[in-house]
Amino acid sequence: MFEPDVVFLDIHMPVMPGLDAARLMGRGRDRARRVHIVFMTALDARAVQAFERGAIDCVLKPFNEARLHETVERLKSRL
């Protein structure tokens, strides 16, 4: 079983929506080992839902290198 520290999820995925996948990833994990989730979406209205699910960040598509760097720095500060 994989236990990643960081996961990048698109909110719209073919098999299961990213918001549902994030909810499932949080089950059974203790707080010390929680997964840090960054959502990717083309719809800014979905960003609120992402943060309600505890996202570290929500990156709007299309994104650029500077925006992705900002997210990585935010993740580094949490890890």
PDB file of N, CA and C in Angstrom:
ATOM      1  N   MET A   1       0.837  -1.175   0.000  1.00  0.00           N
ATOM      2  CA  MET A   1       0.000   0.000   0.000  1.00  0.00           C
ATOM      3  C   MET A   1       0.883   1.239   0.000  1.00  0.00           C
ATOM      4  N   PHE A   2       0.489   2.234  -0.778  1.00  0.00           N
ATOM      5  CA  PHE A   2       1.227   3.482  -0.848  1.00  0.00           C
ATOM      6  C   PHE A   2       0.734   4.427   0.229  1.00  0.00           C
ATOM      7  N   GLU A   3       1.657   5.153   0.844  1.00  0.00           N
ATOM      8  CA  GLU A   3       1.313   6.185   1.814  1.00  0.00           C
ATOM      9  C   GLU A   3       2.099   7.444   1.483  1.00  0.00           C
ATOM     10  N   PRO A   4       1.664   8.154   0.429  1.00  0.00           N
ATOM     11  CA  PRO A   4       2.403   9.344  -0.004  1.00  0.00           C
ATOM     12  C   PRO A   4       2.268  10.489   0.993  1.00  0.00           C
ATOM     13  N   ASP A   5       3.241  11.374   0.969  1.00  0.00           N
ATOM     14  CA  ASP A   5       3.180  12.592   1.775  1.00  0.00           C
ATOM     15  C   ASP A   5       2.418  13.690   1.048  1.00  0.00           C
ATOM     16  N   VAL A   6       2.524  13.689  -0.291  1.00  0.00           N
ATOM     17  CA  VAL A   6       1.907  14.732  -1.124  1.00  0.00           C
ATOM     18  C   VAL A   6       1.203  14.071  -2.303  1.00  0.00           C
ATOM     19  N   VAL A   7       0.022  14.591  -2.616  1.00  0.00           N
ATOM     20  CA  VAL A   7      -0.733  14.108  -3.771  1.00  0.00           C
ATOM     21  C   VAL A   7      -1.284  15.313  -4.527  1.00  0.00           C
ATOM     22  N   PHE A   8      -1.083  15.308  -5.842  1.00  0.00           N
ATOM     23  CA  PHE A   8      -1.692  16.309  -6.713  1.00  0.00           C
ATOM     24  C   PHE A   8      -2.888  15.629  -7.371  1.00  0.00           C
ATOM     25  N   LEU A   9      -4.078  16.185  -7.180  1.00  0.00           N
ATOM     26  CA  LEU A   9      -5.301  15.601  -7.723  1.00  0.00           C
ATOM     27  C   LEU A   9      -6.050  16.609  -8.578  1.00  0.00           C
ATOM     28  N   ASP A  10      -6.502  16.151  -9.725  1.00  0.00           N
ATOM     29  CA  ASP A  10      -7.422  16.966 -10.508  1.00  0.00           C
ATOM     30  C   ASP A  10      -8.797  16.801  -9.877  1.00  0.00           C
ATOM     31  N   ILE A  11      -9.553  17.837  -9.824  1.00  0.00           N
ATOM     32  CA  ILE A  11     -10.892  17.729  -9.247  1.00  0.00           C
ATOM     33  C   ILE A  11     -11.787  16.855 -10.130  1.00  0.00           C
ATOM     34  N   HIS A  12     -11.598  16.932 -11.450  1.00  0.00           N
ATOM     35  CA  HIS A  12     -12.373  16.110 -12.375  1.00  0.00           C
ATOM     36  C   HIS A  12     -11.497  14.980 -12.898  1.00  0.00           C
ATOM     37  N   MET A  13     -11.684  13.793 -12.351  1.00  0.00           N
ATOM     38  CA  MET A  13     -10.944  12.616 -12.810  1.00  0.00           C
ATOM     39  C   MET A  13     -11.954  11.607 -13.346  1.00  0.00           C
ATOM     40  N   PRO A  14     -11.536  10.725 -14.242  1.00  0.00           N
ATOM     41  CA  PRO A  14     -12.486   9.840 -14.919  1.00  0.00           C
ATOM     42  C   PRO A  14     -13.185   8.804 -14.029  1.00  0.00           C
ATOM     43  N   VAL A  15     -12.507   8.198 -13.093  1.00  0.00           N
ATOM     44  CA  VAL A  15     -13.116   7.123 -12.311  1.00  0.00           C
ATOM     45  C   VAL A  15     -13.783   7.649 -11.040  1.00  0.00           C
ATOM     46  N   MET A  16     -13.104   8.544 -10.363  1.00  0.00           N
ATOM     47  CA  MET A  16     -13.614   9.088  -9.107  1.00  0.00           C
ATOM     48  C   MET A  16     -13.217  10.556  -9.014  1.00  0.00           C
ATOM     49  N   PRO A  17     -14.149  11.436  -8.662  1.00  0.00           N
ATOM     50  CA  PRO A  17     -13.784  12.845  -8.509  1.00  0.00           C
ATOM     51  C   PRO A  17     -12.663  13.027  -7.476  1.00  0.00           C
ATOM     52  N   GLY A  18     -11.787  13.974  -7.734  1.00  0.00           N
ATOM     53  CA  GLY A  18     -10.668  14.224  -6.836  1.00  0.00           C
ATOM     54  C   GLY A  18     -11.081  14.535  -5.407  1.00  0.00           C
ATOM     55  N   LEU A  19     -12.207  15.229  -5.236  1.00  0.00           N
ATOM     56  CA  LEU A  19     -12.678  15.546  -3.890  1.00  0.00           C
ATOM     57  C   LEU A  19     -13.034  14.270  -3.125  1.00  0.00           C
ATOM     58  N   ASP A  20     -13.635  13.305  -3.815  1.00  0.00           N
ATOM     59  CA  ASP A  20     -13.960  12.028  -3.168  1.00  0.00           C
ATOM     60  C   ASP A  20     -12.693  11.226  -2.864  1.00  0.00           C
ATOM     61  N   ALA A  21     -11.752  11.243  -3.793  1.00  0.00           N
ATOM     62  CA  ALA A  21     -10.489  10.537  -3.574  1.00  0.00           C
ATOM     63  C   ALA A  21      -9.757  11.110  -2.363  1.00  0.00           C
ATOM     64  N   ALA A  22      -9.778  12.412  -2.211  1.00  0.00           N
ATOM     65  CA  ALA A  22      -9.122  13.059  -1.059  1.00  0.00           C
ATOM     66  C   ALA A  22      -9.769  12.631   0.242  1.00  0.00           C
ATOM     67  N   ARG A  23     -11.076  12.549   0.236  1.00  0.00           N
ATOM     68  CA  ARG A  23     -11.789  12.121   1.442  1.00  0.00           C
ATOM     69  C   ARG A  23     -11.380  10.699   1.823  1.00  0.00           C
ATOM     70  N   LEU A  24     -11.285   9.835   0.846  1.00  0.00           N
ATOM     71  CA  LEU A  24     -10.890   8.453   1.119  1.00  0.00           C
ATOM     72  C   LEU A  24      -9.442   8.343   1.598  1.00  0.00           C
ATOM     73  N   MET A  25      -8.576   9.186   1.073  1.00  0.00           N
ATOM     74  CA  MET A  25      -7.162   9.153   1.488  1.00  0.00           C
ATOM     75  C   MET A  25      -6.992   9.549   2.945  1.00  0.00           C
ATOM     76  N   GLY A  26      -7.882  10.366   3.449  1.00  0.00           N
ATOM     77  CA  GLY A  26      -7.771  10.827   4.829  1.00  0.00           C
ATOM     78  C   GLY A  26      -8.256   9.824   5.853  1.00  0.00           C
ATOM     79  N   ARG A  27      -9.003   8.845   5.420  1.00  0.00           N
ATOM     80  CA  ARG A  27      -9.557   7.856   6.352  1.00  0.00           C
ATOM     81  C   ARG A  27      -8.460   6.963   6.919  1.00  0.00           C
ATOM     82  N   GLY A  28      -8.519   6.751   8.212  1.00  0.00           N
ATOM     83  CA  GLY A  28      -7.615   5.812   8.852  1.00  0.00           C
ATOM     84  C   GLY A  28      -6.199   6.311   9.059  1.00  0.00           C
ATOM     85  N   ARG A  29      -5.929   7.533   8.714  1.00  0.00           N
ATOM     86  CA  ARG A  29      -4.581   8.073   8.897  1.00  0.00           C
ATOM     87  C   ARG A  29      -4.543   8.887  10.173  1.00  0.00           C
ATOM     88  N   ASP A  30      -3.442   8.739  10.906  1.00  0.00           N
ATOM     89  CA  ASP A  30      -3.307   9.611  12.072  1.00  0.00           C
ATOM     90  C   ASP A  30      -2.830  10.980  11.595  1.00  0.00           C
ATOM     91  N   ARG A  31      -3.028  11.976  12.410  1.00  0.00           N
ATOM     92  CA  ARG A  31      -2.705  13.352  11.990  1.00  0.00           C
ATOM     93  C   ARG A  31      -1.229  13.548  11.680  1.00  0.00           C
ATOM     94  N   ALA A  32      -0.364  12.798  12.330  1.00  0.00           N
ATOM     95  CA  ALA A  32       1.075  12.937  12.085  1.00  0.00           C
ATOM     96  C   ALA A  32       1.447  12.461  10.681  1.00  0.00           C
ATOM     97  N   ARG A  33       0.636  11.591  10.078  1.00  0.00           N
ATOM     98  CA  ARG A  33       0.938  11.032   8.765  1.00  0.00           C
ATOM     99  C   ARG A  33      -0.081  11.438   7.714  1.00  0.00           C
ATOM    100  N   ARG A  34      -0.690  12.574   7.889  1.00  0.00           N
ATOM    101  CA  ARG A  34      -1.715  12.944   6.922  1.00  0.00           C
ATOM    102  C   ARG A  34      -1.104  13.283   5.563  1.00  0.00           C
ATOM    103  N   VAL A  35      -1.850  13.032   4.539  1.00  0.00           N
ATOM    104  CA  VAL A  35      -1.399  13.337   3.189  1.00  0.00           C
ATOM    105  C   VAL A  35      -1.721  14.805   2.892  1.00  0.00           C
ATOM    106  N   HIS A  36      -0.777  15.481   2.276  1.00  0.00           N
ATOM    107  CA  HIS A  36      -0.951  16.879   1.882  1.00  0.00           C
ATOM    108  C   HIS A  36      -1.465  16.888   0.442  1.00  0.00           C
ATOM    109  N   ILE A  37      -2.621  17.479   0.251  1.00  0.00           N
ATOM    110  CA  ILE A  37      -3.277  17.423  -1.051  1.00  0.00           C
ATOM    111  C   ILE A  37      -3.275  18.786  -1.721  1.00  0.00           C
ATOM    112  N   VAL A  38      -2.890  18.766  -2.998  1.00  0.00           N
ATOM    113  CA  VAL A  38      -2.966  19.945  -3.854  1.00  0.00           C
ATOM    114  C   VAL A  38      -3.950  19.590  -4.963  1.00  0.00           C
ATOM    115  N   PHE A  39      -4.991  20.385  -5.091  1.00  0.00           N
ATOM    116  CA  PHE A  39      -5.963  20.156  -6.149  1.00  0.00           C
ATOM    117  C   PHE A  39      -5.620  21.004  -7.364  1.00  0.00           C
ATOM    118  N   MET A  40      -5.897  20.447  -8.525  1.00  0.00           N
ATOM    119  CA  MET A  40      -5.718  21.137  -9.793  1.00  0.00           C
ATOM    120  C   MET A  40      -7.109  21.219 -10.430  1.00  0.00           C
ATOM    121  N   THR A  41      -7.481  22.390 -10.917  1.00  0.00           N
ATOM    122  CA  THR A  41      -8.793  22.533 -11.538  1.00  0.00           C
ATOM    123  C   THR A  41      -8.800  23.695 -12.519  1.00  0.00           C
ATOM    124  N   ALA A  42      -9.681  23.610 -13.473  1.00  0.00           N
ATOM    125  CA  ALA A  42      -9.871  24.708 -14.419  1.00  0.00           C
ATOM    126  C   ALA A  42     -11.000  25.626 -13.961  1.00  0.00           C
ATOM    127  N   LEU A  43     -11.718  25.213 -12.929  1.00  0.00           N
ATOM    128  CA  LEU A  43     -12.877  25.977 -12.462  1.00  0.00           C
ATOM    129  C   LEU A  43     -12.598  26.596 -11.102  1.00  0.00           C
ATOM    130  N   ASP A  44     -12.476  27.917 -11.050  1.00  0.00           N
ATOM    131  CA  ASP A  44     -12.153  28.568  -9.783  1.00  0.00           C
ATOM    132  C   ASP A  44     -13.241  28.388  -8.732  1.00  0.00           C
ATOM    133  N   ALA A  45     -14.472  28.141  -9.140  1.00  0.00           N
ATOM    134  CA  ALA A  45     -15.543  27.914  -8.177  1.00  0.00           C
ATOM    135  C   ALA A  45     -15.296  26.645  -7.356  1.00  0.00           C
ATOM    136  N   ARG A  46     -14.535  25.705  -7.889  1.00  0.00           N
ATOM    137  CA  ARG A  46     -14.218  24.459  -7.181  1.00  0.00           C
ATOM    138  C   ARG A  46     -13.144  24.652  -6.117  1.00  0.00           C
ATOM    139  N   ALA A  47     -12.434  25.746  -6.169  1.00  0.00           N
ATOM    140  CA  ALA A  47     -11.351  25.984  -5.207  1.00  0.00           C
ATOM    141  C   ALA A  47     -11.878  26.014  -3.775  1.00  0.00           C
ATOM    142  N   VAL A  48     -13.031  26.592  -3.569  1.00  0.00           N
ATOM    143  CA  VAL A  48     -13.610  26.650  -2.222  1.00  0.00           C
ATOM    144  C   VAL A  48     -13.843  25.244  -1.694  1.00  0.00           C
ATOM    145  N   GLN A  49     -14.401  24.376  -2.521  1.00  0.00           N
ATOM    146  CA  GLN A  49     -14.633  22.990  -2.108  1.00  0.00           C
ATOM    147  C   GLN A  49     -13.311  22.301  -1.768  1.00  0.00           C
ATOM    148  N   ALA A  50     -12.281  22.587  -2.525  1.00  0.00           N
ATOM    149  CA  ALA A  50     -10.972  21.975  -2.276  1.00  0.00           C
ATOM    150  C   ALA A  50     -10.442  22.375  -0.905  1.00  0.00           C
ATOM    151  N   PHE A  51     -10.541  23.640  -0.571  1.00  0.00           N
ATOM    152  CA  PHE A  51     -10.046  24.099   0.730  1.00  0.00           C
ATOM    153  C   PHE A  51     -10.923  23.584   1.878  1.00  0.00           C
ATOM    154  N   GLU A  52     -12.199  23.404   1.609  1.00  0.00           N
ATOM    155  CA  GLU A  52     -13.065  22.811   2.627  1.00  0.00           C
ATOM    156  C   GLU A  52     -12.661  21.372   2.929  1.00  0.00           C
ATOM    157  N   ARG A  53     -12.028  20.711   1.979  1.00  0.00           N
ATOM    158  CA  ARG A  53     -11.549  19.338   2.174  1.00  0.00           C
ATOM    159  C   ARG A  53     -10.135  19.298   2.735  1.00  0.00           C
ATOM    160  N   GLY A  54      -9.602  20.462   3.093  1.00  0.00           N
ATOM    161  CA  GLY A  54      -8.293  20.505   3.728  1.00  0.00           C
ATOM    162  C   GLY A  54      -7.116  20.584   2.779  1.00  0.00           C
ATOM    163  N   ALA A  55      -7.348  21.032   1.570  1.00  0.00           N
ATOM    164  CA  ALA A  55      -6.260  21.143   0.593  1.00  0.00           C
ATOM    165  C   ALA A  55      -5.191  22.119   1.067  1.00  0.00           C
ATOM    166  N   ILE A  56      -3.957  21.808   0.763  1.00  0.00           N
ATOM    167  CA  ILE A  56      -2.842  22.715   1.031  1.00  0.00           C
ATOM    168  C   ILE A  56      -2.890  23.875   0.042  1.00  0.00           C
ATOM    169  N   ASP A  57      -3.316  23.560  -1.186  1.00  0.00           N
ATOM    170  CA  ASP A  57      -3.392  24.571  -2.225  1.00  0.00           C
ATOM    171  C   ASP A  57      -4.365  24.097  -3.294  1.00  0.00           C
ATOM    172  N   CYS A  58      -4.803  25.013  -4.111  1.00  0.00           N
ATOM    173  CA  CYS A  58      -5.632  24.702  -5.265  1.00  0.00           C
ATOM    174  C   CYS A  58      -5.083  25.522  -6.425  1.00  0.00           C
ATOM    175  N   VAL A  59      -4.571  24.846  -7.416  1.00  0.00           N
ATOM    176  CA  VAL A  59      -3.918  25.498  -8.543  1.00  0.00           C
ATOM    177  C   VAL A  59      -4.882  25.505  -9.726  1.00  0.00           C
ATOM    178  N   LEU A  60      -5.126  26.698 -10.241  1.00  0.00           N
ATOM    179  CA  LEU A  60      -6.023  26.817 -11.386  1.00  0.00           C
ATOM    180  C   LEU A  60      -5.268  26.562 -12.682  1.00  0.00           C
ATOM    181  N   LYS A  61      -5.910  25.771 -13.556  1.00  0.00           N
ATOM    182  CA  LYS A  61      -5.332  25.478 -14.862  1.00  0.00           C
ATOM    183  C   LYS A  61      -5.815  26.527 -15.864  1.00  0.00           C
ATOM    184  N   PRO A  62      -5.027  26.880 -16.824  1.00  0.00           N
ATOM    185  CA  PRO A  62      -3.644  26.446 -17.011  1.00  0.00           C
ATOM    186  C   PRO A  62      -2.723  27.186 -16.038  1.00  0.00           C
ATOM    187  N   PHE A  63      -1.773  26.469 -15.497  1.00  0.00           N
ATOM    188  CA  PHE A  63      -0.855  27.078 -14.531  1.00  0.00           C
ATOM    189  C   PHE A  63       0.516  27.242 -15.168  1.00  0.00           C
ATOM    190  N   ASN A  64       1.310  28.111 -14.559  1.00  0.00           N
ATOM    191  CA  ASN A  64       2.652  28.341 -15.088  1.00  0.00           C
ATOM    192  C   ASN A  64       3.687  27.877 -14.059  1.00  0.00           C
ATOM    193  N   GLU A  65       4.928  27.921 -14.449  1.00  0.00           N
ATOM    194  CA  GLU A  65       6.012  27.434 -13.599  1.00  0.00           C
ATOM    195  C   GLU A  65       6.098  28.207 -12.282  1.00  0.00           C
ATOM    196  N   ALA A  66       5.908  29.512 -12.328  1.00  0.00           N
ATOM    197  CA  ALA A  66       5.975  30.324 -11.108  1.00  0.00           C
ATOM    198  C   ALA A  66       4.888  29.913 -10.117  1.00  0.00           C
ATOM    199  N   ARG A  67       3.703  29.642 -10.609  1.00  0.00           N
ATOM    200  CA  ARG A  67       2.595  29.247  -9.715  1.00  0.00           C
ATOM    201  C   ARG A  67       2.861  27.877  -9.102  1.00  0.00           C
ATOM    202  N   LEU A  68       3.396  26.959  -9.885  1.00  0.00           N
ATOM    203  CA  LEU A  68       3.727  25.638  -9.363  1.00  0.00           C
ATOM    204  C   LEU A  68       4.855  25.729  -8.337  1.00  0.00           C
ATOM    205  N   HIS A  69       5.822  26.605  -8.578  1.00  0.00           N
ATOM    206  CA  HIS A  69       6.915  26.818  -7.621  1.00  0.00           C
ATOM    207  C   HIS A  69       6.367  27.315  -6.279  1.00  0.00           C
ATOM    208  N   GLU A  70       5.399  28.220  -6.330  1.00  0.00           N
ATOM    209  CA  GLU A  70       4.763  28.736  -5.112  1.00  0.00           C
ATOM    210  C   GLU A  70       4.117  27.587  -4.315  1.00  0.00           C
ATOM    211  N   THR A  71       3.462  26.694  -5.008  1.00  0.00           N
ATOM    212  CA  THR A  71       2.831  25.539  -4.357  1.00  0.00           C
ATOM    213  C   THR A  71       3.870  24.629  -3.720  1.00  0.00           C
ATOM    214  N   VAL A  72       4.950  24.368  -4.430  1.00  0.00           N
ATOM    215  CA  VAL A  72       6.012  23.510  -3.900  1.00  0.00           C
ATOM    216  C   VAL A  72       6.628  24.141  -2.651  1.00  0.00           C
ATOM    217  N   GLU A  73       6.827  25.438  -2.654  1.00  0.00           N
ATOM    218  CA  GLU A  73       7.369  26.113  -1.474  1.00  0.00           C
ATOM    219  C   GLU A  73       6.402  26.007  -0.293  1.00  0.00           C
ATOM    220  N   ARG A  74       5.131  26.134  -0.561  1.00  0.00           N
ATOM    221  CA  ARG A  74       4.120  25.973   0.501  1.00  0.00           C
ATOM    222  C   ARG A  74       4.172  24.567   1.075  1.00  0.00           C
ATOM    223  N   LEU A  75       4.328  23.586   0.217  1.00  0.00           N
ATOM    224  CA  LEU A  75       4.437  22.196   0.666  1.00  0.00           C
ATOM    225  C   LEU A  75       5.699  21.980   1.510  1.00  0.00           C
ATOM    226  N   LYS A  76       6.801  22.535   1.067  1.00  0.00           N
ATOM    227  CA  LYS A  76       8.064  22.392   1.815  1.00  0.00           C
ATOM    228  C   LYS A  76       7.932  22.925   3.225  1.00  0.00           C
ATOM    229  N   SER A  77       7.223  24.032   3.385  1.00  0.00           N
ATOM    230  CA  SER A  77       7.076  24.613   4.711  1.00  0.00           C
ATOM    231  C   SER A  77       6.223  23.727   5.636  1.00  0.00           C
ATOM    232  N   ARG A  78       5.374  22.902   5.046  1.00  0.00           N
ATOM    233  CA  ARG A  78       4.507  22.022   5.839  1.00  0.00           C
ATOM    234  C   ARG A  78       5.138  20.672   6.128  1.00  0.00           C
ATOM    235  N   LEU A  79       6.075  20.273   5.291  1.00  0.00           N
ATOM    236  CA  LEU A  79       6.722  18.974   5.464  1.00  0.00           C
ATOM    237  C   LEU A  79       7.899  19.157   6.349  1.00  0.00           C
TER     238      LEU A  79
END
